[in-house]
């Protein structure tokens, strides 16, 4: 998983991008998303929520495969 996080002075916003192959949803080779906001804590929370969701989806898919 690759996460990039930076501040853009021109627009006064924090930006992030996330790219992953390992945690890509079933049927996809990779997953990419991005976002931005003015409050660093809110932006970091969005990133954390996205990562948690991808990890949980991956765990759920593995559990279903093992049960089959």
Protein backbone atom coordinates (compact mmCIF):
# COMPACT_ATOMS: atom_id res chain seq x y z
CA UNK A 1 0.00 0.00 0.00
CA UNK A 2 1.33 3.40 -0.96
CA UNK A 3 0.05 6.53 0.76
CA UNK A 4 1.15 10.02 -0.20
CA UNK A 5 0.25 13.00 1.95
CA UNK A 6 1.13 16.64 1.32
CA UNK A 7 0.12 20.25 1.92
CA UNK A 8 -0.53 22.64 -0.96
CA UNK A 9 0.10 26.24 0.05
CA UNK A 10 -1.58 27.58 -3.10
CA UNK A 11 -5.01 26.22 -2.16
CA UNK A 12 -4.30 25.88 1.57
CA UNK A 13 -5.34 22.22 1.65
CA UNK A 14 -3.97 18.85 2.67
CA UNK A 15 -4.07 16.24 -0.09
CA UNK A 16 -3.66 12.47 -0.08
CA UNK A 17 -3.58 9.57 -2.50
CA UNK A 18 -3.73 5.87 -1.74
CA UNK A 19 -2.74 3.06 -4.10
CA UNK A 20 -2.77 -0.65 -3.31
CA UNK A 21 -2.64 -3.98 -5.06
CA UNK A 22 -2.65 -6.18 -1.96
CA UNK A 23 -5.89 -4.77 -0.56
CA UNK A 24 -7.65 -4.23 -3.90
CA UNK A 25 -11.32 -5.27 -3.80
CA UNK A 26 -12.11 -8.70 -5.22
CA UNK A 27 -12.06 -8.66 -9.01
CA UNK A 28 -9.77 -5.64 -9.27
CA UNK A 29 -6.02 -5.66 -9.91
CA UNK A 30 -5.46 -2.48 -7.93
CA UNK A 31 -7.30 0.22 -6.01
CA UNK A 32 -6.66 3.96 -6.07
CA UNK A 33 -8.39 6.78 -4.24
CA UNK A 34 -7.61 10.32 -3.14
CA UNK A 35 -8.95 13.25 -1.17
CA UNK A 36 -8.25 16.65 0.30
CA UNK A 37 -9.34 19.05 3.02
CA UNK A 38 -8.29 22.04 5.07
CA UNK A 39 -8.08 20.40 8.51
CA UNK A 40 -5.16 17.99 8.84
CA UNK A 41 -6.86 15.87 11.53
CA UNK A 42 -10.03 15.43 9.46
CA UNK A 43 -8.02 14.46 6.40
CA UNK A 44 -5.96 11.93 8.38
CA UNK A 45 -9.18 10.47 9.80
CA UNK A 46 -10.52 10.02 6.25
CA UNK A 47 -7.33 8.21 5.28
CA UNK A 48 -7.50 5.97 8.37
CA UNK A 49 -11.15 5.11 7.66
CA UNK A 50 -10.33 4.20 4.06
CA UNK A 51 -7.41 1.96 5.10
CA UNK A 52 -9.48 0.25 7.81
CA UNK A 53 -12.26 -0.42 5.32
CA UNK A 54 -9.87 -1.98 2.78
CA UNK A 55 -8.24 -4.19 5.43
CA UNK A 56 -11.61 -5.36 6.81
CA UNK A 57 -12.90 -6.14 3.31
CA UNK A 58 -9.75 -8.14 2.64
CA UNK A 59 -10.16 -10.11 5.89
CA UNK A 60 -13.82 -10.79 5.09
CA UNK A 61 -12.96 -12.09 1.63
CA UNK A 62 -10.26 -14.39 3.04
CA UNK A 63 -12.68 -15.78 5.65
CA UNK A 64 -15.25 -16.59 2.96
CA UNK A 65 -12.61 -18.34 0.85
CA UNK A 66 -11.43 -20.44 3.82
CA UNK A 67 -15.01 -21.45 4.71
CA UNK A 68 -15.71 -22.73 1.19
